[in-house]
Full PDB file with SEQRES, HELIX, SHEET, SSBOND, CRYST1, ORIGX, SCALE, CONECT and MASTER records, all heavy atoms in Angstrom:
SEQRES   1 A   40  GLN ARG THR THR CYS ILE SER ALA SER PHE GLU GLN GLY          
SEQRES   2 A   40  THR ILE ALA PHE GLU ILE ASP ILE ASP PRO PRO LEU CYS          
SEQRES   3 A   40  SER VAL PHE GLY ASN LEU HIS GLY GLY ALA ALA SER THR          
SEQRES   4 A   40  ILE                                                          
HELIX    1 AA1 PRO A   23  LEU A   25  5                                   3    
HELIX    2 AA2 GLY A   34  THR A   39  1                                   6    
SHEET    1 AA1 2 THR A   3  SER A   9  0                                        
SHEET    2 AA1 2 THR A  14  ILE A  19 -1                                        
CRYST1    1.000    1.000    1.000  90.00  90.00  90.00 P 1           1          
ORIGX1      1.000000  0.000000  0.000000        0.00000                         
ORIGX2      0.000000  1.000000  0.000000        0.00000                         
ORIGX3      0.000000  0.000000  1.000000        0.00000                         
SCALE1      1.000000  0.000000  0.000000        0.00000                         
SCALE2      0.000000  1.000000  0.000000        0.00000                         
SCALE3      0.000000  0.000000  1.000000        0.00000                         
ATOM      1  N   GLN A   1      -8.494  -0.938   4.315  1.00  0.00           N  
ATOM      2  CA  GLN A   1      -9.311  -2.118   4.032  1.00  0.00           C  
ATOM      3  C   GLN A   1      -8.640  -3.046   3.026  1.00  0.00           C  
ATOM      4  O   GLN A   1      -8.923  -4.231   2.992  1.00  0.00           O  
ATOM      5  CB  GLN A   1     -10.686  -1.694   3.508  1.00  0.00           C  
ATOM      6  CG  GLN A   1     -11.535  -1.033   4.558  1.00  0.00           C  
ATOM      7  CD  GLN A   1     -12.714  -0.271   3.987  1.00  0.00           C  
ATOM      8  OE1 GLN A   1     -12.939  -0.250   2.786  1.00  0.00           O  
ATOM      9  NE2 GLN A   1     -13.466   0.370   4.865  1.00  0.00           N  
ATOM     10  N   ARG A   2      -7.749  -2.525   2.213  1.00  0.00           N  
ATOM     11  CA  ARG A   2      -7.078  -3.318   1.171  1.00  0.00           C  
ATOM     12  C   ARG A   2      -5.727  -3.858   1.643  1.00  0.00           C  
ATOM     13  O   ARG A   2      -5.035  -4.528   0.894  1.00  0.00           O  
ATOM     14  CB  ARG A   2      -6.846  -2.452  -0.067  1.00  0.00           C  
ATOM     15  CG  ARG A   2      -8.107  -2.043  -0.784  1.00  0.00           C  
ATOM     16  CD  ARG A   2      -7.790  -0.987  -1.847  1.00  0.00           C  
ATOM     17  NE  ARG A   2      -8.892  -0.741  -2.740  1.00  0.00           N  
ATOM     18  CZ  ARG A   2      -9.958  -0.015  -2.461  1.00  0.00           C  
ATOM     19  NH1 ARG A   2     -10.093   0.533  -1.271  1.00  0.00           N  
ATOM     20  NH2 ARG A   2     -10.905   0.161  -3.347  1.00  0.00           N  
ATOM     21  N   THR A   3      -5.310  -3.538   2.864  1.00  0.00           N  
ATOM     22  CA  THR A   3      -3.960  -3.823   3.338  1.00  0.00           C  
ATOM     23  C   THR A   3      -3.941  -4.954   4.353  1.00  0.00           C  
ATOM     24  O   THR A   3      -4.800  -5.038   5.219  1.00  0.00           O  
ATOM     25  CB  THR A   3      -3.354  -2.557   3.978  1.00  0.00           C  
ATOM     26  OG1 THR A   3      -3.393  -1.502   3.017  1.00  0.00           O  
ATOM     27  CG2 THR A   3      -1.931  -2.777   4.417  1.00  0.00           C  
ATOM     28  N   THR A   4      -2.905  -5.793   4.244  1.00  0.00           N  
ATOM     29  CA  THR A   4      -2.674  -6.887   5.182  1.00  0.00           C  
ATOM     30  C   THR A   4      -1.227  -6.819   5.660  1.00  0.00           C  
ATOM     31  O   THR A   4      -0.319  -6.639   4.840  1.00  0.00           O  
ATOM     32  CB  THR A   4      -2.894  -8.255   4.494  1.00  0.00           C  
ATOM     33  OG1 THR A   4      -4.199  -8.283   3.945  1.00  0.00           O  
ATOM     34  CG2 THR A   4      -2.720  -9.399   5.464  1.00  0.00           C  
ATOM     35  N   CYS A   5      -1.020  -6.973   6.950  1.00  0.00           N  
ATOM     36  CA  CYS A   5       0.333  -7.066   7.493  1.00  0.00           C  
ATOM     37  C   CYS A   5       0.804  -8.501   7.293  1.00  0.00           C  
ATOM     38  O   CYS A   5       0.133  -9.442   7.719  1.00  0.00           O  
ATOM     39  CB  CYS A   5       0.335  -6.700   8.972  1.00  0.00           C  
ATOM     40  SG  CYS A   5       1.953  -6.899   9.747  1.00  0.00           S  
ATOM     41  N   ILE A   6       1.954  -8.688   6.643  1.00  0.00           N  
ATOM     42  CA  ILE A   6       2.445 -10.047   6.397  1.00  0.00           C  
ATOM     43  C   ILE A   6       3.624 -10.423   7.285  1.00  0.00           C  
ATOM     44  O   ILE A   6       3.885 -11.609   7.486  1.00  0.00           O  
ATOM     45  CB  ILE A   6       2.781 -10.280   4.910  1.00  0.00           C  
ATOM     46  CG1 ILE A   6       3.800  -9.269   4.407  1.00  0.00           C  
ATOM     47  CG2 ILE A   6       1.508 -10.221   4.070  1.00  0.00           C  
ATOM     48  CD1 ILE A   6       4.310  -9.577   3.007  1.00  0.00           C  
ATOM     49  N   SER A   7       4.342  -9.438   7.828  1.00  0.00           N  
ATOM     50  CA  SER A   7       5.415  -9.746   8.780  1.00  0.00           C  
ATOM     51  C   SER A   7       5.778  -8.489   9.554  1.00  0.00           C  
ATOM     52  O   SER A   7       5.581  -7.371   9.083  1.00  0.00           O  
ATOM     53  CB  SER A   7       6.649 -10.300   8.063  1.00  0.00           C  
ATOM     54  OG  SER A   7       7.263  -9.302   7.278  1.00  0.00           O  
ATOM     55  N   ALA A   8       6.307  -8.710  10.750  1.00  0.00           N  
ATOM     56  CA  ALA A   8       6.739  -7.605  11.598  1.00  0.00           C  
ATOM     57  C   ALA A   8       7.875  -8.090  12.486  1.00  0.00           C  
ATOM     58  O   ALA A   8       7.829  -9.211  12.992  1.00  0.00           O  
ATOM     59  CB  ALA A   8       5.584  -7.093  12.450  1.00  0.00           C  
ATOM     60  N   SER A   9       8.885  -7.239  12.668  1.00  0.00           N  
ATOM     61  CA  SER A   9      10.013  -7.575  13.524  1.00  0.00           C  
ATOM     62  C   SER A   9      10.351  -6.387  14.411  1.00  0.00           C  
ATOM     63  O   SER A   9      10.800  -5.350  13.919  1.00  0.00           O  
ATOM     64  CB  SER A   9      11.238  -7.957  12.679  1.00  0.00           C  
ATOM     65  OG  SER A   9      12.393  -8.051  13.504  1.00  0.00           O  
ATOM     66  N   PHE A  10      10.146  -6.552  15.705  1.00  0.00           N  
ATOM     67  CA  PHE A  10      10.489  -5.517  16.679  1.00  0.00           C  
ATOM     68  C   PHE A  10      11.999  -5.282  16.662  1.00  0.00           C  
ATOM     69  O   PHE A  10      12.460  -4.149  16.681  1.00  0.00           O  
ATOM     70  CB  PHE A  10      10.027  -5.947  18.074  1.00  0.00           C  
ATOM     71  CG  PHE A  10      10.315  -4.941  19.145  1.00  0.00           C  
ATOM     72  CD1 PHE A  10       9.425  -3.915  19.396  1.00  0.00           C  
ATOM     73  CD2 PHE A  10      11.473  -5.018  19.901  1.00  0.00           C  
ATOM     74  CE1 PHE A  10       9.681  -2.977  20.391  1.00  0.00           C  
ATOM     75  CE2 PHE A  10      11.740  -4.090  20.894  1.00  0.00           C  
ATOM     76  CZ  PHE A  10      10.838  -3.071  21.139  1.00  0.00           C  
ATOM     77  N   GLU A  11      12.758  -6.362  16.625  1.00  0.00           N  
ATOM     78  CA  GLU A  11      14.215  -6.270  16.679  1.00  0.00           C  
ATOM     79  C   GLU A  11      14.789  -5.512  15.484  1.00  0.00           C  
ATOM     80  O   GLU A  11      15.735  -4.743  15.620  1.00  0.00           O  
ATOM     81  CB  GLU A  11      14.846  -7.676  16.743  1.00  0.00           C  
ATOM     82  CG  GLU A  11      14.509  -8.447  18.005  1.00  0.00           C  
ATOM     83  CD  GLU A  11      13.095  -9.040  18.018  1.00  0.00           C  
ATOM     84  OE1 GLU A  11      12.492  -9.208  16.919  1.00  0.00           O  
ATOM     85  OE2 GLU A  11      12.584  -9.314  19.113  1.00  0.00           O  
ATOM     86  N   GLN A  12      14.243  -5.737  14.318  1.00  0.00           N  
ATOM     87  CA  GLN A  12      14.730  -5.064  13.114  1.00  0.00           C  
ATOM     88  C   GLN A  12      14.003  -3.752  12.835  1.00  0.00           C  
ATOM     89  O   GLN A  12      14.441  -2.976  11.994  1.00  0.00           O  
ATOM     90  CB  GLN A  12      14.595  -5.988  11.905  1.00  0.00           C  
ATOM     91  CG  GLN A  12      15.480  -7.213  12.006  1.00  0.00           C  
ATOM     92  CD  GLN A  12      15.280  -8.153  10.830  1.00  0.00           C  
ATOM     93  OE1 GLN A  12      14.261  -8.118  10.147  1.00  0.00           O  
ATOM     94  NE2 GLN A  12      16.260  -9.001  10.603  1.00  0.00           N  
ATOM     95  N   GLY A  13      12.885  -3.505  13.515  1.00  0.00           N  
ATOM     96  CA  GLY A  13      12.111  -2.285  13.285  1.00  0.00           C  
ATOM     97  C   GLY A  13      11.469  -2.265  11.914  1.00  0.00           C  
ATOM     98  O   GLY A  13      11.384  -1.215  11.277  1.00  0.00           O  
ATOM     99  N   THR A  14      11.004  -3.435  11.470  1.00  0.00           N  
ATOM    100  CA  THR A  14      10.433  -3.532  10.123  1.00  0.00           C  
ATOM    101  C   THR A  14       9.038  -4.138  10.149  1.00  0.00           C  
ATOM    102  O   THR A  14       8.717  -4.953  11.012  1.00  0.00           O  
ATOM    103  CB  THR A  14      11.319  -4.403   9.208  1.00  0.00           C  
ATOM    104  OG1 THR A  14      11.426  -5.714   9.774  1.00  0.00           O  
ATOM    105  CG2 THR A  14      12.695  -3.798   9.027  1.00  0.00           C  
ATOM    106  N   ILE A  15       8.229  -3.705   9.197  1.00  0.00           N  
ATOM    107  CA  ILE A  15       6.922  -4.305   8.959  1.00  0.00           C  
ATOM    108  C   ILE A  15       6.744  -4.384   7.446  1.00  0.00           C  
ATOM    109  O   ILE A  15       7.093  -3.443   6.724  1.00  0.00           O  
ATOM    110  CB  ILE A  15       5.762  -3.486   9.554  1.00  0.00           C  
ATOM    111  CG1 ILE A  15       5.938  -3.248  11.045  1.00  0.00           C  
ATOM    112  CG2 ILE A  15       4.420  -4.194   9.300  1.00  0.00           C  
ATOM    113  CD1 ILE A  15       4.881  -2.369  11.679  1.00  0.00           C  
ATOM    114  N   ALA A  16       6.207  -5.511   6.982  1.00  0.00           N  
ATOM    115  CA  ALA A  16       5.891  -5.677   5.558  1.00  0.00           C  
ATOM    116  C   ALA A  16       4.390  -5.855   5.414  1.00  0.00           C  
ATOM    117  O   ALA A  16       3.750  -6.545   6.221  1.00  0.00           O  
ATOM    118  CB  ALA A  16       6.631  -6.878   4.984  1.00  0.00           C  
ATOM    119  N   PHE A  17       3.841  -5.219   4.404  1.00  0.00           N  
ATOM    120  CA  PHE A  17       2.410  -5.264   4.126  1.00  0.00           C  
ATOM    121  C   PHE A  17       2.201  -5.682   2.671  1.00  0.00           C  
ATOM    122  O   PHE A  17       3.099  -5.544   1.843  1.00  0.00           O  
ATOM    123  CB  PHE A  17       1.779  -3.876   4.302  1.00  0.00           C  
ATOM    124  CG  PHE A  17       1.975  -3.245   5.639  1.00  0.00           C  
ATOM    125  CD1 PHE A  17       3.074  -2.435   5.891  1.00  0.00           C  
ATOM    126  CD2 PHE A  17       1.056  -3.441   6.657  1.00  0.00           C  
ATOM    127  CE1 PHE A  17       3.252  -1.825   7.118  1.00  0.00           C  
ATOM    128  CE2 PHE A  17       1.227  -2.845   7.896  1.00  0.00           C  
ATOM    129  CZ  PHE A  17       2.326  -2.034   8.128  1.00  0.00           C  
ATOM    130  N   GLU A  18       0.997  -6.137   2.385  1.00  0.00           N  
ATOM    131  CA  GLU A  18       0.561  -6.320   0.998  1.00  0.00           C  
ATOM    132  C   GLU A  18      -0.727  -5.538   0.831  1.00  0.00           C  
ATOM    133  O   GLU A  18      -1.545  -5.467   1.751  1.00  0.00           O  
ATOM    134  CB  GLU A  18       0.338  -7.795   0.673  1.00  0.00           C  
ATOM    135  CG  GLU A  18       1.621  -8.575   0.544  1.00  0.00           C  
ATOM    136  CD  GLU A  18       1.414 -10.026   0.158  1.00  0.00           C  
ATOM    137  OE1 GLU A  18       0.249 -10.490   0.088  1.00  0.00           O  
ATOM    138  OE2 GLU A  18       2.433 -10.711  -0.065  1.00  0.00           O  
ATOM    139  N   ILE A  19      -0.877  -4.951  -0.360  1.00  0.00           N  
ATOM    140  CA  ILE A  19      -2.070  -4.161  -0.644  1.00  0.00           C  
ATOM    141  C   ILE A  19      -2.431  -4.328  -2.114  1.00  0.00           C  
ATOM    142  O   ILE A  19      -1.552  -4.361  -2.976  1.00  0.00           O  
ATOM    143  CB  ILE A  19      -1.875  -2.661  -0.277  1.00  0.00           C  
ATOM    144  CG1 ILE A  19      -3.150  -1.845  -0.556  1.00  0.00           C  
ATOM    145  CG2 ILE A  19      -0.667  -2.081  -0.952  1.00  0.00           C  
ATOM    146  CD1 ILE A  19      -3.117  -0.428  -0.012  1.00  0.00           C  
ATOM    147  N   ASP A  20      -3.722  -4.460  -2.359  1.00  0.00           N  
ATOM    148  CA  ASP A  20      -4.232  -4.527  -3.725  1.00  0.00           C  
ATOM    149  C   ASP A  20      -4.475  -3.107  -4.228  1.00  0.00           C  
ATOM    150  O   ASP A  20      -5.171  -2.326  -3.574  1.00  0.00           O  
ATOM    151  CB  ASP A  20      -5.543  -5.315  -3.777  1.00  0.00           C  
ATOM    152  CG  ASP A  20      -5.343  -6.780  -3.434  1.00  0.00           C  
ATOM    153  OD1 ASP A  20      -4.390  -7.375  -3.973  1.00  0.00           O  
ATOM    154  OD2 ASP A  20      -6.119  -7.311  -2.628  1.00  0.00           O  
ATOM    155  N   ILE A  21      -3.894  -2.787  -5.361  1.00  0.00           N  
ATOM    156  CA  ILE A  21      -4.066  -1.463  -5.953  1.00  0.00           C  
ATOM    157  C   ILE A  21      -5.284  -1.524  -6.873  1.00  0.00           C  
ATOM    158  O   ILE A  21      -5.201  -1.941  -8.020  1.00  0.00           O  
ATOM    159  CB  ILE A  21      -2.801  -1.021  -6.721  1.00  0.00           C  
ATOM    160  CG1 ILE A  21      -1.572  -1.074  -5.803  1.00  0.00           C  
ATOM    161  CG2 ILE A  21      -3.001   0.363  -7.323  1.00  0.00           C  
ATOM    162  CD1 ILE A  21      -1.679  -0.217  -4.542  1.00  0.00           C  
ATOM    163  N   ASP A  22      -6.410  -1.142  -6.330  1.00  0.00           N  
ATOM    164  CA  ASP A  22      -7.671  -1.172  -7.063  1.00  0.00           C  
ATOM    165  C   ASP A  22      -7.907   0.166  -7.764  1.00  0.00           C  
ATOM    166  O   ASP A  22      -7.323   1.188  -7.388  1.00  0.00           O  
ATOM    167  CB  ASP A  22      -8.824  -1.482  -6.101  1.00  0.00           C  
ATOM    168  CG  ASP A  22      -8.736  -2.899  -5.541  1.00  0.00           C  
ATOM    169  OD1 ASP A  22      -8.133  -3.763  -6.206  1.00  0.00           O  
ATOM    170  OD2 ASP A  22      -9.265  -3.127  -4.443  1.00  0.00           O  
ATOM    171  N   PRO A  23      -8.785   0.192  -8.763  1.00  0.00           N  
ATOM    172  CA  PRO A  23      -9.027   1.413  -9.542  1.00  0.00           C  
ATOM    173  C   PRO A  23      -9.312   2.676  -8.731  1.00  0.00           C  
ATOM    174  O   PRO A  23      -8.854   3.760  -9.136  1.00  0.00           O  
ATOM    175  CB  PRO A  23     -10.206   1.034 -10.438  1.00  0.00           C  
ATOM    176  CG  PRO A  23     -10.007  -0.435 -10.669  1.00  0.00           C  
ATOM    177  CD  PRO A  23      -9.503  -0.960  -9.338  1.00  0.00           C  
ATOM    178  N   PRO A  24     -10.016   2.626  -7.583  1.00  0.00           N  
ATOM    179  CA  PRO A  24     -10.230   3.886  -6.857  1.00  0.00           C  
ATOM    180  C   PRO A  24      -8.945   4.563  -6.375  1.00  0.00           C  
ATOM    181  O   PRO A  24      -8.955   5.733  -6.039  1.00  0.00           O  
ATOM    182  CB  PRO A  24     -11.090   3.471  -5.656  1.00  0.00           C  
ATOM    183  CG  PRO A  24     -11.758   2.210  -6.085  1.00  0.00           C  
ATOM    184  CD  PRO A  24     -10.777   1.524  -6.992  1.00  0.00           C  
ATOM    185  N   LEU A  25      -7.830   3.820  -6.352  1.00  0.00           N  
ATOM    186  CA  LEU A  25      -6.547   4.395  -5.929  1.00  0.00           C  
ATOM    187  C   LEU A  25      -5.733   4.902  -7.117  1.00  0.00           C  
ATOM    188  O   LEU A  25      -4.622   5.391  -6.935  1.00  0.00           O  
ATOM    189  CB  LEU A  25      -5.725   3.345  -5.169  1.00  0.00           C  
ATOM    190  CG  LEU A  25      -6.370   2.763  -3.913  1.00  0.00           C  
ATOM    191  CD1 LEU A  25      -5.481   1.669  -3.329  1.00  0.00           C  
ATOM    192  CD2 LEU A  25      -6.641   3.851  -2.887  1.00  0.00           C  
ATOM    193  N   CYS A  26      -6.300   4.797  -8.307  1.00  0.00           N  
ATOM    194  CA  CYS A  26      -5.540   5.077  -9.526  1.00  0.00           C  
ATOM    195  C   CYS A  26      -6.010   6.350 -10.228  1.00  0.00           C  
ATOM    196  O   CYS A  26      -7.131   6.814 -10.038  1.00  0.00           O  
ATOM    197  CB  CYS A  26      -5.654   3.887 -10.481  1.00  0.00           C  
ATOM    198  SG  CYS A  26      -4.863   2.409  -9.782  1.00  0.00           S  
ATOM    199  N   SER A  27      -5.116   6.859 -11.068  1.00  0.00           N  
ATOM    200  CA  SER A  27      -5.430   8.029 -11.880  1.00  0.00           C  
ATOM    201  C   SER A  27      -6.307   7.609 -13.058  1.00  0.00           C  
ATOM    202  O   SER A  27      -6.554   6.425 -13.285  1.00  0.00           O  
ATOM    203  CB  SER A  27      -4.130   8.651 -12.410  1.00  0.00           C  
ATOM    204  OG  SER A  27      -3.571   7.804 -13.401  1.00  0.00           O  
ATOM    205  N   VAL A  28      -6.727   8.574 -13.835  1.00  0.00           N  
ATOM    206  CA  VAL A  28      -7.529   8.318 -15.021  1.00  0.00           C  
ATOM    207  C   VAL A  28      -6.758   7.453 -16.024  1.00  0.00           C  
ATOM    208  O   VAL A  28      -7.341   6.789 -16.862  1.00  0.00           O  
ATOM    209  CB  VAL A  28      -8.010   9.652 -15.643  1.00  0.00           C  
ATOM    210  CG1 VAL A  28      -6.830  10.436 -16.189  1.00  0.00           C  
ATOM    211  CG2 VAL A  28      -9.057   9.430 -16.707  1.00  0.00           C  
ATOM    212  N   PHE A  29      -5.443   7.410 -15.914  1.00  0.00           N  
ATOM    213  CA  PHE A  29      -4.606   6.621 -16.808  1.00  0.00           C  
ATOM    214  C   PHE A  29      -4.440   5.174 -16.347  1.00  0.00           C  
ATOM    215  O   PHE A  29      -3.781   4.382 -17.008  1.00  0.00           O  
ATOM    216  CB  PHE A  29      -3.240   7.281 -16.972  1.00  0.00           C  
ATOM    217  CG  PHE A  29      -3.347   8.678 -17.494  1.00  0.00           C  
ATOM    218  CD1 PHE A  29      -3.093   9.753 -16.673  1.00  0.00           C  
ATOM    219  CD2 PHE A  29      -3.750   8.919 -18.804  1.00  0.00           C  
ATOM    220  CE1 PHE A  29      -3.219  11.052 -17.138  1.00  0.00           C  
ATOM    221  CE2 PHE A  29      -3.881  10.212 -19.281  1.00  0.00           C  
ATOM    222  CZ  PHE A  29      -3.619  11.283 -18.452  1.00  0.00           C  
ATOM    223  N   GLY A  30      -5.030   4.839 -15.179  1.00  0.00           N  
ATOM    224  CA  GLY A  30      -5.021   3.456 -14.709  1.00  0.00           C  
ATOM    225  C   GLY A  30      -3.816   3.049 -13.884  1.00  0.00           C  
ATOM    226  O   GLY A  30      -3.612   1.860 -13.639  1.00  0.00           O  
ATOM    227  N   ASN A  31      -3.028   4.026 -13.439  1.00  0.00           N  
ATOM    228  CA  ASN A  31      -1.899   3.689 -12.570  1.00  0.00           C  
ATOM    229  C   ASN A  31      -2.072   4.363 -11.208  1.00  0.00           C  
ATOM    230  O   ASN A  31      -2.793   5.339 -11.070  1.00  0.00           O  
ATOM    231  CB  ASN A  31      -0.565   4.062 -13.222  1.00  0.00           C  
ATOM    232  CG  ASN A  31      -0.483   5.511 -13.616  1.00  0.00           C  
ATOM    233  OD1 ASN A  31      -1.491   6.152 -13.862  1.00  0.00           O  
ATOM    234  ND2 ASN A  31       0.712   6.047 -13.678  1.00  0.00           N  
ATOM    235  N   LEU A  32      -1.382   3.791 -10.205  1.00  0.00           N  
ATOM    236  CA  LEU A  32      -1.489   4.298  -8.833  1.00  0.00           C  
ATOM    237  C   LEU A  32      -1.219   5.801  -8.814  1.00  0.00           C  
ATOM    238  O   LEU A  32      -0.182   6.269  -9.285  1.00  0.00           O  
ATOM    239  CB  LEU A  32      -0.496   3.558  -7.936  1.00  0.00           C  
ATOM    240  CG  LEU A  32      -0.451   3.973  -6.475  1.00  0.00           C  
ATOM    241  CD1 LEU A  32      -1.800   3.738  -5.792  1.00  0.00           C  
ATOM    242  CD2 LEU A  32       0.650   3.196  -5.748  1.00  0.00           C  
ATOM    243  N   HIS A  33      -2.171   6.549  -8.290  1.00  0.00           N  
ATOM    244  CA  HIS A  33      -2.068   8.001  -8.192  1.00  0.00           C  
ATOM    245  C   HIS A  33      -0.996   8.352  -7.160  1.00  0.00           C  
ATOM    246  O   HIS A  33      -0.882   7.691  -6.129  1.00  0.00           O  
ATOM    247  CB  HIS A  33      -3.426   8.570  -7.764  1.00  0.00           C  
ATOM    248  CG  HIS A  33      -3.511  10.044  -7.857  1.00  0.00           C  
ATOM    249  ND1 HIS A  33      -2.950  10.876  -6.917  1.00  0.00           N  
ATOM    250  CD2 HIS A  33      -4.085  10.853  -8.781  1.00  0.00           C  
ATOM    251  CE1 HIS A  33      -3.192  12.128  -7.250  1.00  0.00           C  
ATOM    252  NE2 HIS A  33      -3.878  12.137  -8.390  1.00  0.00           N  
ATOM    253  N   GLY A  34      -0.217   9.378  -7.435  1.00  0.00           N  
ATOM    254  CA  GLY A  34       0.831   9.803  -6.511  1.00  0.00           C  
ATOM    255  C   GLY A  34       0.301  10.166  -5.136  1.00  0.00           C  
ATOM    256  O   GLY A  34       0.930   9.897  -4.120  1.00  0.00           O  
ATOM    257  N   GLY A  35      -0.885  10.770  -5.095  1.00  0.00           N  
ATOM    258  CA  GLY A  35      -1.492  11.106  -3.799  1.00  0.00           C  
ATOM    259  C   GLY A  35      -1.879   9.862  -3.032  1.00  0.00           C  
ATOM    260  O   GLY A  35      -1.711   9.798  -1.811  1.00  0.00           O  
ATOM    261  N   ALA A  36      -2.384   8.858  -3.740  1.00  0.00           N  
ATOM    262  CA  ALA A  36      -2.732   7.592  -3.082  1.00  0.00           C  
ATOM    263  C   ALA A  36      -1.473   6.890  -2.610  1.00  0.00           C  
ATOM    264  O   ALA A  36      -1.428   6.346  -1.498  1.00  0.00           O  
ATOM    265  CB  ALA A  36      -3.527   6.698  -4.031  1.00  0.00           C  
ATOM    266  N   ALA A  37      -0.416   6.893  -3.423  1.00  0.00           N  
ATOM    267  CA  ALA A  37       0.855   6.284  -3.014  1.00  0.00           C  
ATOM    268  C   ALA A  37       1.399   6.987  -1.773  1.00  0.00           C  
ATOM    269  O   ALA A  37       1.873   6.330  -0.828  1.00  0.00           O  
ATOM    270  CB  ALA A  37       1.872   6.344  -4.150  1.00  0.00           C  
ATOM    271  N   SER A  38       1.308   8.310  -1.746  1.00  0.00           N  
ATOM    272  CA  SER A  38       1.778   9.071  -0.582  1.00  0.00           C  
ATOM    273  C   SER A  38       0.970   8.718   0.665  1.00  0.00           C  
ATOM    274  O   SER A  38       1.532   8.571   1.752  1.00  0.00           O  
ATOM    275  CB  SER A  38       1.686  10.572  -0.861  1.00  0.00           C  
ATOM    276  OG  SER A  38       2.547  10.923  -1.921  1.00  0.00           O  
ATOM    277  N   THR A  39      -0.337   8.565   0.503  1.00  0.00           N  
ATOM    278  CA  THR A  39      -1.182   8.207   1.640  1.00  0.00           C  
ATOM    279  C   THR A  39      -0.873   6.793   2.116  1.00  0.00           C  
ATOM    280  O   THR A  39      -0.802   6.544   3.323  1.00  0.00           O  
ATOM    281  CB  THR A  39      -2.669   8.350   1.286  1.00  0.00           C  
ATOM    282  OG1 THR A  39      -2.915   9.699   0.888  1.00  0.00           O  
ATOM    283  CG2 THR A  39      -3.556   8.007   2.472  1.00  0.00           C  
ATOM    284  N   ILE A  40      -0.689   5.867   1.186  1.00  0.00           N  
ATOM    285  CA  ILE A  40      -0.316   4.494   1.562  1.00  0.00           C  
ATOM    286  C   ILE A  40       0.963   4.524   2.389  1.00  0.00           C  
ATOM    287  O   ILE A  40       1.038   3.925   3.474  1.00  0.00           O  
ATOM    288  CB  ILE A  40      -0.130   3.611   0.310  1.00  0.00           C  
ATOM    289  CG1 ILE A  40      -1.478   3.339  -0.361  1.00  0.00           C  
ATOM    290  CG2 ILE A  40       0.583   2.299   0.663  1.00  0.00           C  
ATOM    291  CD1 ILE A  40      -1.370   2.733  -1.757  1.00  0.00           C  
TER     292      ILE A  40                                                      
MASTER        0    0    0    2    2    0    0    6  291    1    0    4          
END                                                                             
């Protein structure tokens, strides 16, 4: 729900996304949790 595809290239095999890192994705210390980063 927080992710948007901003570009995609079949020829290059690449896709770029943007995502807002909101507090539910973060650890108690306020940074992106490793598990959330892995899931992203």
